[in-house]
Amino acid sequence: MDYETIAVSKEGMVGIITINRPQAMNALSTKLVTELISALTEFEKDDGVRCLVIAGSERAFSAGADIGEMADMTAVEMTMSGHFFPLWDKVGKYPKPIVGALSGFVLGGGLELAMSLDVLVASETTQLGQPEIDIGVMPGGGGTQRLTRAVGKYKAMEMILTGKRIGAEEAKTLGLVSRVVPKEAYLEEAKKVAIEIASKSPVALRLAKMSVNKAFEMGLSDGIDFERELFYLLFASEDAKEGMKAFMEKRKPVFKGK
């Protein structure tokens, strides 16, 4: 498909979506959100794609929502339109792993999008924050929930109530990003992580991702029971048999997603 606000490509088993609104610091507009959902849907249906990368530019992954679109909207209009919530729902429940390639500004809705991904590779120039309070509103795309789970109550309160940004190294220390690399390497590093993930069993990847996400919704005992059920289920897959056979034969497994 032809897109106006994103670029889409494939490298082997990795699908790559690049946010491309440079004139607006990759702000999340309705058009951009619609195109992101469309690209995610297409990659979900493509069995040849086992992992995705979502990236922005070196200057900005995304500086947040397009304020110009929202400024004159009423509460009823926001409620009826759903605004960006279909994107959060799509990404939050996406079955395939997604690696975020972050650089520059990752703010507001941009940080909420990033936090809904699975592995975050950040350039050393990355600045992360939830500055909605500065324009008289608050995070509405999961920011108060995901940020609190990632960094704890008190740091989340500080960031959300003051609008303060943090840098990449602090974000790594807090557990908000997976790794920090030099500015010139962040996209290639994200692709490298995605290629490694894509080499694993698609069946195991899907269930492992599902189990980790459930850890934020269940108590420990229920979570362990859920994990165990998925673990047992994998023994019915061809990939599990192939993986164990390859291990014993000292060769690389060939996973087919079955």
C-alpha atoms as a PDB file:
ATOM      1  CA  MET A   1       0.000   0.000   0.000  1.00  0.00           C
ATOM      2  CA  ASP A   2       1.002   3.625  -0.504  1.00  0.00           C
ATOM      3  CA  TYR A   3       1.307   5.549   2.736  1.00  0.00           C
ATOM      4  CA  GLU A   4       1.680   9.285   3.328  1.00  0.00           C
ATOM      5  CA  THR A   5       2.897   9.408   6.947  1.00  0.00           C
ATOM      6  CA  ILE A   6       4.833   6.163   7.333  1.00  0.00           C
ATOM      7  CA  ALA A   7       7.298   4.106   5.304  1.00  0.00           C
ATOM      8  CA  VAL A   8       7.014   0.322   5.288  1.00  0.00           C
ATOM      9  CA  SER A   9       9.606  -2.275   4.276  1.00  0.00           C
ATOM     10  CA  LYS A  10      10.721  -5.843   4.942  1.00  0.00           C
ATOM     11  CA  GLU A  11      14.178  -7.210   5.665  1.00  0.00           C
ATOM     12  CA  GLY A  12      14.014 -10.981   5.742  1.00  0.00           C
ATOM     13  CA  MET A  13      11.589 -11.997   8.489  1.00  0.00           C
ATOM     14  CA  VAL A  14      11.480  -8.479   9.965  1.00  0.00           C
ATOM     15  CA  GLY A  15       8.831  -5.913   9.052  1.00  0.00           C
ATOM     16  CA  ILE A  16       9.870  -2.272   9.477  1.00  0.00           C
ATOM     17  CA  ILE A  17       7.507   0.662   9.971  1.00  0.00           C
ATOM     18  CA  THR A  18       9.083   4.125  10.011  1.00  0.00           C
ATOM     19  CA  ILE A  19       7.055   7.106  11.197  1.00  0.00           C
ATOM     20  CA  ASN A  20       7.568   9.834   8.605  1.00  0.00           C
ATOM     21  CA  ARG A  21       6.103  13.242   9.466  1.00  0.00           C
ATOM     22  CA  PRO A  22       9.365  15.206   9.769  1.00  0.00           C
ATOM     23  CA  GLN A  23       7.641  18.585   9.449  1.00  0.00           C
ATOM     24  CA  ALA A  24       5.651  17.815  12.627  1.00  0.00           C
ATOM     25  CA  MET A  25       8.313  15.980  14.661  1.00  0.00           C
ATOM     26  CA  ASN A  26       6.439  12.760  13.878  1.00  0.00           C
ATOM     27  CA  ALA A  27       3.405  13.934  15.840  1.00  0.00           C
ATOM     28  CA  LEU A  28       0.603  11.380  15.932  1.00  0.00           C
ATOM     29  CA  SER A  29      -2.188  12.590  13.680  1.00  0.00           C
ATOM     30  CA  THR A  30      -5.396  10.753  12.826  1.00  0.00           C
ATOM     31  CA  LYS A  31      -3.940   9.949   9.396  1.00  0.00           C
ATOM     32  CA  LEU A  32      -0.736   8.591  10.926  1.00  0.00           C
ATOM     33  CA  VAL A  33      -2.610   6.460  13.442  1.00  0.00           C
ATOM     34  CA  THR A  34      -4.848   5.042  10.694  1.00  0.00           C
ATOM     35  CA  GLU A  35      -1.839   4.170   8.556  1.00  0.00           C
ATOM     36  CA  LEU A  36       0.013   2.582  11.478  1.00  0.00           C
ATOM     37  CA  ILE A  37      -2.979   0.349  12.198  1.00  0.00           C
ATOM     38  CA  SER A  38      -3.194  -0.610   8.514  1.00  0.00           C
ATOM     39  CA  ALA A  39       0.512  -1.509   8.303  1.00  0.00           C
ATOM     40  CA  LEU A  40       0.373  -3.487  11.542  1.00  0.00           C
ATOM     41  CA  THR A  41      -2.630  -5.406  10.235  1.00  0.00           C
ATOM     42  CA  GLU A  42      -0.851  -6.279   6.988  1.00  0.00           C
ATOM     43  CA  PHE A  43       2.265  -7.501   8.802  1.00  0.00           C
ATOM     44  CA  GLU A  44       0.120  -9.518  11.208  1.00  0.00           C
ATOM     45  CA  LYS A  45      -1.348 -11.426   8.253  1.00  0.00           C
ATOM     46  CA  ASP A  46       2.089 -12.016   6.682  1.00  0.00           C
ATOM     47  CA  ASP A  47       3.435 -15.354   7.966  1.00  0.00           C
ATOM     48  CA  GLY A  48       6.833 -14.466   6.543  1.00  0.00           C
ATOM     49  CA  VAL A  49       7.170 -11.652   9.099  1.00  0.00           C
ATOM     50  CA  ARG A  50       7.978 -12.860  12.609  1.00  0.00           C
ATOM     51  CA  CYS A  51       9.048  -9.622  14.302  1.00  0.00           C
ATOM     52  CA  LEU A  52       8.554  -5.901  13.658  1.00  0.00           C
ATOM     53  CA  VAL A  53      10.540  -2.730  14.191  1.00  0.00           C
ATOM     54  CA  ILE A  54       8.806   0.608  14.659  1.00  0.00           C
ATOM     55  CA  ALA A  55      11.116   3.589  14.271  1.00  0.00           C
ATOM     56  CA  GLY A  56      10.969   7.333  13.857  1.00  0.00           C
ATOM     57  CA  SER A  57      13.762   9.648  12.813  1.00  0.00           C
ATOM     58  CA  GLU A  58      17.032  10.450  14.517  1.00  0.00           C
ATOM     59  CA  ARG A  59      15.467  13.726  15.665  1.00  0.00           C
ATOM     60  CA  ALA A  60      12.187  12.307  16.983  1.00  0.00           C
ATOM     61  CA  PHE A  61      10.535   8.928  17.399  1.00  0.00           C
ATOM     62  CA  SER A  62       7.393  10.957  18.060  1.00  0.00           C
ATOM     63  CA  ALA A  63       6.977  14.226  19.928  1.00  0.00           C
ATOM     64  CA  GLY A  64       3.412  13.297  20.892  1.00  0.00           C
ATOM     65  CA  ALA A  65      -0.104  13.815  19.655  1.00  0.00           C
ATOM     66  CA  ASP A  66      -0.933  16.401  17.016  1.00  0.00           C
ATOM     67  CA  ILE A  67      -2.184  19.170  19.303  1.00  0.00           C
ATOM     68  CA  GLY A  68      -3.597  21.129  16.379  1.00  0.00           C
ATOM     69  CA  GLU A  69      -6.080  18.337  15.738  1.00  0.00           C
ATOM     70  CA  MET A  70      -7.197  18.106  19.348  1.00  0.00           C
ATOM     71  CA  ALA A  71      -7.278  21.730  20.423  1.00  0.00           C
ATOM     72  CA  ASP A  72     -10.894  22.428  19.430  1.00  0.00           C
ATOM     73  CA  MET A  73     -12.364  18.992  20.111  1.00  0.00           C
ATOM     74  CA  THR A  74     -15.059  18.624  22.752  1.00  0.00           C
ATOM     75  CA  ALA A  75     -15.230  15.857  25.328  1.00  0.00           C
ATOM     76  CA  VAL A  76     -18.101  14.292  23.376  1.00  0.00           C
ATOM     77  CA  GLU A  77     -16.096  14.419  20.122  1.00  0.00           C
ATOM     78  CA  MET A  78     -13.090  12.836  21.812  1.00  0.00           C
ATOM     79  CA  THR A  79     -15.286  10.100  23.297  1.00  0.00           C
ATOM     80  CA  MET A  80     -17.200   9.326  20.117  1.00  0.00           C
ATOM     81  CA  SER A  81     -14.138   9.350  17.856  1.00  0.00           C
ATOM     82  CA  GLY A  82     -12.084   7.163  20.168  1.00  0.00           C
ATOM     83  CA  HIS A  83      -9.232   9.361  18.929  1.00  0.00           C
ATOM     84  CA  PHE A  84      -6.019   7.276  19.063  1.00  0.00           C
ATOM     85  CA  PHE A  85      -7.313   4.467  21.248  1.00  0.00           C
ATOM     86  CA  PRO A  86      -7.694   1.958  18.383  1.00  0.00           C
ATOM     87  CA  LEU A  87      -3.897   2.221  17.940  1.00  0.00           C
ATOM     88  CA  TRP A  88      -3.194   1.540  21.622  1.00  0.00           C
ATOM     89  CA  ASP A  89      -5.557  -1.442  21.483  1.00  0.00           C
ATOM     90  CA  LYS A  90      -3.923  -2.760  18.312  1.00  0.00           C
ATOM     91  CA  VAL A  91      -0.361  -2.460  19.545  1.00  0.00           C
ATOM     92  CA  GLY A  92      -1.134  -3.544  23.107  1.00  0.00           C
ATOM     93  CA  LYS A  93      -2.677  -6.819  21.886  1.00  0.00           C
ATOM     94  CA  TYR A  94      -0.395  -7.400  18.905  1.00  0.00           C
ATOM     95  CA  PRO A  95       0.601 -11.080  18.689  1.00  0.00           C
ATOM     96  CA  LYS A  96       4.041 -10.624  17.109  1.00  0.00           C
ATOM     97  CA  PRO A  97       6.981  -9.056  18.981  1.00  0.00           C
ATOM     98  CA  ILE A  98       7.712  -5.405  18.184  1.00  0.00           C
ATOM     99  CA  VAL A  99      11.051  -3.679  18.773  1.00  0.00           C
ATOM    100  CA  GLY A 100      11.006   0.091  19.181  1.00  0.00           C
ATOM    101  CA  ALA A 101      13.905   2.087  17.717  1.00  0.00           C
ATOM    102  CA  LEU A 102      13.967   5.319  19.710  1.00  0.00           C
ATOM    103  CA  SER A 103      15.920   8.507  19.145  1.00  0.00           C
ATOM    104  CA  GLY A 104      15.431  12.154  19.968  1.00  0.00           C
ATOM    105  CA  PHE A 105      12.045  13.146  21.348  1.00  0.00           C
ATOM    106  CA  VAL A 106       9.801  10.381  22.702  1.00  0.00           C
ATOM    107  CA  LEU A 107       7.094  12.434  24.355  1.00  0.00           C
ATOM    108  CA  GLY A 108       3.431  12.207  25.308  1.00  0.00           C
ATOM    109  CA  GLY A 109       1.626   9.872  22.942  1.00  0.00           C
ATOM    110  CA  GLY A 110       5.012   8.978  21.462  1.00  0.00           C
ATOM    111  CA  LEU A 111       6.148   7.569  24.801  1.00  0.00           C
ATOM    112  CA  GLU A 112       2.796   5.831  25.254  1.00  0.00           C
ATOM    113  CA  LEU A 113       3.266   4.184  21.859  1.00  0.00           C
ATOM    114  CA  ALA A 114       6.827   3.171  22.746  1.00  0.00           C
ATOM    115  CA  MET A 115       5.760   1.714  26.101  1.00  0.00           C
ATOM    116  CA  SER A 116       3.216  -0.517  24.381  1.00  0.00           C
ATOM    117  CA  LEU A 117       6.025  -2.188  22.378  1.00  0.00           C
ATOM    118  CA  ASP A 118       8.081  -5.150  23.577  1.00  0.00           C
ATOM    119  CA  VAL A 119      11.783  -4.246  23.422  1.00  0.00           C
ATOM    120  CA  LEU A 120      13.071  -0.660  23.319  1.00  0.00           C
ATOM    121  CA  VAL A 121      16.451   0.253  21.838  1.00  0.00           C
ATOM    122  CA  ALA A 122      17.303   3.896  22.479  1.00  0.00           C
ATOM    123  CA  SER A 123      19.820   6.277  21.001  1.00  0.00           C
ATOM    124  CA  GLU A 124      21.935   8.060  23.602  1.00  0.00           C
ATOM    125  CA  THR A 125      20.183  11.292  22.488  1.00  0.00           C
ATOM    126  CA  THR A 126      16.719  10.045  23.448  1.00  0.00           C
ATOM    127  CA  GLN A 127      14.549  12.242  25.684  1.00  0.00           C
ATOM    128  CA  LEU A 128      11.459  10.595  27.189  1.00  0.00           C
ATOM    129  CA  GLY A 129       8.561  12.289  28.938  1.00  0.00           C
ATOM    130  CA  GLN A 130       4.823  12.753  29.505  1.00  0.00           C
ATOM    131  CA  PRO A 131       4.448  16.543  29.205  1.00  0.00           C
ATOM    132  CA  GLU A 132       0.638  16.586  28.823  1.00  0.00           C
ATOM    133  CA  ILE A 133       0.330  18.438  32.142  1.00  0.00           C
ATOM    134  CA  ASP A 134       1.989  21.463  30.488  1.00  0.00           C
ATOM    135  CA  ILE A 135      -1.054  21.962  28.222  1.00  0.00           C
ATOM    136  CA  GLY A 136      -3.662  21.327  30.909  1.00  0.00           C
ATOM    137  CA  VAL A 137      -4.393  17.663  30.286  1.00  0.00           C
ATOM    138  CA  MET A 138      -2.938  14.288  31.307  1.00  0.00           C
ATOM    139  CA  PRO A 139      -1.802  11.100  29.557  1.00  0.00           C
ATOM    140  CA  GLY A 140      -4.712   9.273  27.952  1.00  0.00           C
ATOM    141  CA  GLY A 141      -3.081   6.472  25.987  1.00  0.00           C
ATOM    142  CA  GLY A 142      -1.938   4.357  28.901  1.00  0.00           C
ATOM    143  CA  GLY A 143       0.798   6.655  30.177  1.00  0.00           C
ATOM    144  CA  THR A 144      -0.293   6.744  33.814  1.00  0.00           C
ATOM    145  CA  GLN A 145      -0.565   2.951  33.857  1.00  0.00           C
ATOM    146  CA  ARG A 146       2.407   1.735  31.817  1.00  0.00           C
ATOM    147  CA  LEU A 147       4.863   4.343  33.094  1.00  0.00           C
ATOM    148  CA  THR A 148       3.962   3.551  36.706  1.00  0.00           C
ATOM    149  CA  ARG A 149       4.475  -0.166  36.092  1.00  0.00           C
ATOM    150  CA  ALA A 150       7.809   0.522  34.385  1.00  0.00           C
ATOM    151  CA  VAL A 151       9.440   3.007  36.781  1.00  0.00           C
ATOM    152  CA  GLY A 152       7.385   2.869  39.986  1.00  0.00           C
ATOM    153  CA  LYS A 153       4.889   5.244  41.548  1.00  0.00           C
ATOM    154  CA  TYR A 154       7.151   8.054  42.672  1.00  0.00           C
ATOM    155  CA  LYS A 155       9.179   8.532  39.494  1.00  0.00           C
ATOM    156  CA  ALA A 156       6.003   8.234  37.420  1.00  0.00           C
ATOM    157  CA  MET A 157       4.313  10.851  39.603  1.00  0.00           C
ATOM    158  CA  GLU A 158       7.268  13.190  39.181  1.00  0.00           C
ATOM    159  CA  MET A 159       7.358  12.800  35.400  1.00  0.00           C
ATOM    160  CA  ILE A 160       3.583  13.064  34.920  1.00  0.00           C
ATOM    161  CA  LEU A 161       2.912  15.878  37.408  1.00  0.00           C
ATOM    162  CA  THR A 162       5.879  18.045  36.352  1.00  0.00           C
ATOM    163  CA  GLY A 163       6.201  17.100  32.690  1.00  0.00           C
ATOM    164  CA  LYS A 164       9.913  16.509  33.309  1.00  0.00           C
ATOM    165  CA  ARG A 165      11.851  14.555  30.679  1.00  0.00           C
ATOM    166  CA  ILE A 166      14.509  11.969  31.372  1.00  0.00           C
ATOM    167  CA  GLY A 167      17.461  10.938  29.231  1.00  0.00           C
ATOM    168  CA  ALA A 168      18.255   7.553  27.763  1.00  0.00           C
ATOM    169  CA  GLU A 169      20.703   6.423  30.436  1.00  0.00           C
ATOM    170  CA  GLU A 170      18.303   7.274  33.266  1.00  0.00           C
ATOM    171  CA  ALA A 171      15.529   5.502  31.378  1.00  0.00           C
ATOM    172  CA  LYS A 172      17.728   2.405  31.118  1.00  0.00           C
ATOM    173  CA  THR A 173      18.547   2.527  34.823  1.00  0.00           C
ATOM    174  CA  LEU A 174      14.820   2.763  35.611  1.00  0.00           C
ATOM    175  CA  GLY A 175      14.002  -0.140  33.281  1.00  0.00           C
ATOM    176  CA  LEU A 176      12.072   2.015  30.822  1.00  0.00           C
ATOM    177  CA  VAL A 177      14.266   1.055  27.841  1.00  0.00           C
ATOM    178  CA  SER A 178      16.106  -2.177  27.107  1.00  0.00           C
ATOM    179  CA  ARG A 179      19.441  -0.822  25.913  1.00  0.00           C
ATOM    180  CA  VAL A 180      21.177   2.442  24.965  1.00  0.00           C
ATOM    181  CA  VAL A 181      23.535   2.740  21.984  1.00  0.00           C
ATOM    182  CA  PRO A 182      25.306   5.549  20.101  1.00  0.00           C
ATOM    183  CA  LYS A 183      23.087   7.762  17.960  1.00  0.00           C
ATOM    184  CA  GLU A 184      24.405   6.388  14.686  1.00  0.00           C
ATOM    185  CA  ALA A 185      23.709   2.773  15.716  1.00  0.00           C
ATOM    186  CA  TYR A 186      20.238   2.800  17.248  1.00  0.00           C
ATOM    187  CA  LEU A 187      18.269   1.686  14.168  1.00  0.00           C
ATOM    188  CA  GLU A 188      20.712  -1.057  13.181  1.00  0.00           C
ATOM    189  CA  GLU A 189      20.786  -2.274  16.768  1.00  0.00           C
ATOM    190  CA  ALA A 190      16.984  -2.459  16.834  1.00  0.00           C
ATOM    191  CA  LYS A 191      17.032  -4.423  13.574  1.00  0.00           C
ATOM    192  CA  LYS A 192      19.674  -6.743  15.007  1.00  0.00           C
ATOM    193  CA  VAL A 193      17.477  -7.461  18.023  1.00  0.00           C
ATOM    194  CA  ALA A 194      14.483  -8.039  15.750  1.00  0.00           C
ATOM    195  CA  ILE A 195      16.451 -10.438  13.527  1.00  0.00           C
ATOM    196  CA  GLU A 196      17.493 -12.441  16.582  1.00  0.00           C
ATOM    197  CA  ILE A 197      13.901 -12.612  17.835  1.00  0.00           C
ATOM    198  CA  ALA A 198      12.621 -13.549  14.374  1.00  0.00           C
ATOM    199  CA  SER A 199      14.946 -16.565  14.303  1.00  0.00           C
ATOM    200  CA  LYS A 200      13.005 -18.177  17.161  1.00  0.00           C
ATOM    201  CA  SER A 201       9.824 -20.254  17.005  1.00  0.00           C
ATOM    202  CA  PRO A 202       6.848 -18.028  16.086  1.00  0.00           C
ATOM    203  CA  VAL A 203       4.611 -20.201  18.254  1.00  0.00           C
ATOM    204  CA  ALA A 204       6.852 -19.877  21.308  1.00  0.00           C
ATOM    205  CA  LEU A 205       7.320 -16.144  20.691  1.00  0.00           C
ATOM    206  CA  ARG A 206       3.586 -15.519  20.642  1.00  0.00           C
ATOM    207  CA  LEU A 207       2.891 -17.472  23.825  1.00  0.00           C
ATOM    208  CA  ALA A 208       5.922 -16.090  25.674  1.00  0.00           C
ATOM    209  CA  LYS A 209       4.883 -12.523  24.843  1.00  0.00           C
ATOM    210  CA  MET A 210       1.344 -13.275  25.969  1.00  0.00           C
ATOM    211  CA  SER A 211       2.599 -14.677  29.269  1.00  0.00           C
ATOM    212  CA  VAL A 212       4.848 -11.709  30.046  1.00  0.00           C
ATOM    213  CA  ASN A 213       2.006  -9.278  29.332  1.00  0.00           C
ATOM    214  CA  LYS A 214      -0.292 -11.230  31.652  1.00  0.00           C
ATOM    215  CA  ALA A 215       2.179 -10.619  34.474  1.00  0.00           C
ATOM    216  CA  PHE A 216       0.833  -7.071  34.643  1.00  0.00           C
ATOM    217  CA  GLU A 217      -2.766  -8.215  34.896  1.00  0.00           C
ATOM    218  CA  MET A 218      -2.648 -11.275  37.206  1.00  0.00           C
ATOM    219  CA  GLY A 219      -1.520 -12.092  40.693  1.00  0.00           C
ATOM    220  CA  LEU A 220       1.620 -14.238  41.016  1.00  0.00           C
ATOM    221  CA  SER A 221      -0.156 -17.545  41.604  1.00  0.00           C
ATOM    222  CA  ASP A 222      -2.597 -17.086  38.713  1.00  0.00           C
ATOM    223  CA  GLY A 223       0.233 -15.863  36.499  1.00  0.00           C
ATOM    224  CA  ILE A 224       2.328 -18.948  37.194  1.00  0.00           C
ATOM    225  CA  ASP A 225      -0.656 -21.180  36.437  1.00  0.00           C
ATOM    226  CA  PHE A 226      -1.210 -19.319  33.167  1.00  0.00           C
ATOM    227  CA  GLU A 227       2.477 -19.628  32.242  1.00  0.00           C
ATOM    228  CA  ARG A 228       2.473 -23.360  32.993  1.00  0.00           C
ATOM    229  CA  GLU A 229      -0.535 -23.982  30.755  1.00  0.00           C
ATOM    230  CA  LEU A 230       1.211 -22.250  27.846  1.00  0.00           C
ATOM    231  CA  PHE A 231       4.433 -24.149  28.574  1.00  0.00           C
ATOM    232  CA  TYR A 232       2.614 -27.472  28.378  1.00  0.00           C
ATOM    233  CA  LEU A 233       0.777 -26.348  25.245  1.00  0.00           C
ATOM    234  CA  LEU A 234       4.056 -25.748  23.422  1.00  0.00           C
ATOM    235  CA  PHE A 235       4.901 -29.454  23.699  1.00  0.00           C
ATOM    236  CA  ALA A 236       2.146 -30.020  21.139  1.00  0.00           C
ATOM    237  CA  SER A 237       3.984 -27.869  18.581  1.00  0.00           C
ATOM    238  CA  GLU A 238       6.253 -29.100  15.825  1.00  0.00           C
ATOM    239  CA  ASP A 239       8.617 -26.244  16.627  1.00  0.00           C
ATOM    240  CA  ALA A 240       9.246 -27.581  20.131  1.00  0.00           C
ATOM    241  CA  LYS A 241      10.108 -31.033  18.783  1.00  0.00           C
ATOM    242  CA  GLU A 242      12.368 -29.488  16.140  1.00  0.00           C
ATOM    243  CA  GLY A 243      14.080 -27.221  18.683  1.00  0.00           C
ATOM    244  CA  MET A 244      14.897 -30.063  21.063  1.00  0.00           C
ATOM    245  CA  LYS A 245      15.986 -32.379  18.256  1.00  0.00           C
ATOM    246  CA  ALA A 246      18.269 -29.675  16.843  1.00  0.00           C
ATOM    247  CA  PHE A 247      19.756 -29.082  20.298  1.00  0.00           C
ATOM    248  CA  MET A 248      20.633 -32.756  20.682  1.00  0.00           C
ATOM    249  CA  GLU A 249      22.007 -32.904  17.132  1.00  0.00           C
ATOM    250  CA  LYS A 250      24.069 -29.753  17.747  1.00  0.00           C
ATOM    251  CA  ARG A 251      22.591 -27.807  14.819  1.00  0.00           C
ATOM    252  CA  LYS A 252      20.446 -24.724  14.329  1.00  0.00           C
ATOM    253  CA  PRO A 253      16.709 -25.433  14.452  1.00  0.00           C
ATOM    254  CA  VAL A 254      14.457 -24.702  11.488  1.00  0.00           C
ATOM    255  CA  PHE A 255      11.248 -23.348  12.937  1.00  0.00           C
ATOM    256  CA  LYS A 256       8.106 -23.368  10.804  1.00  0.00           C
ATOM    257  CA  GLY A 257       5.621 -21.779  13.151  1.00  0.00           C
ATOM    258  CA  LYS A 258       3.654 -24.980  13.638  1.00  0.00           C
END
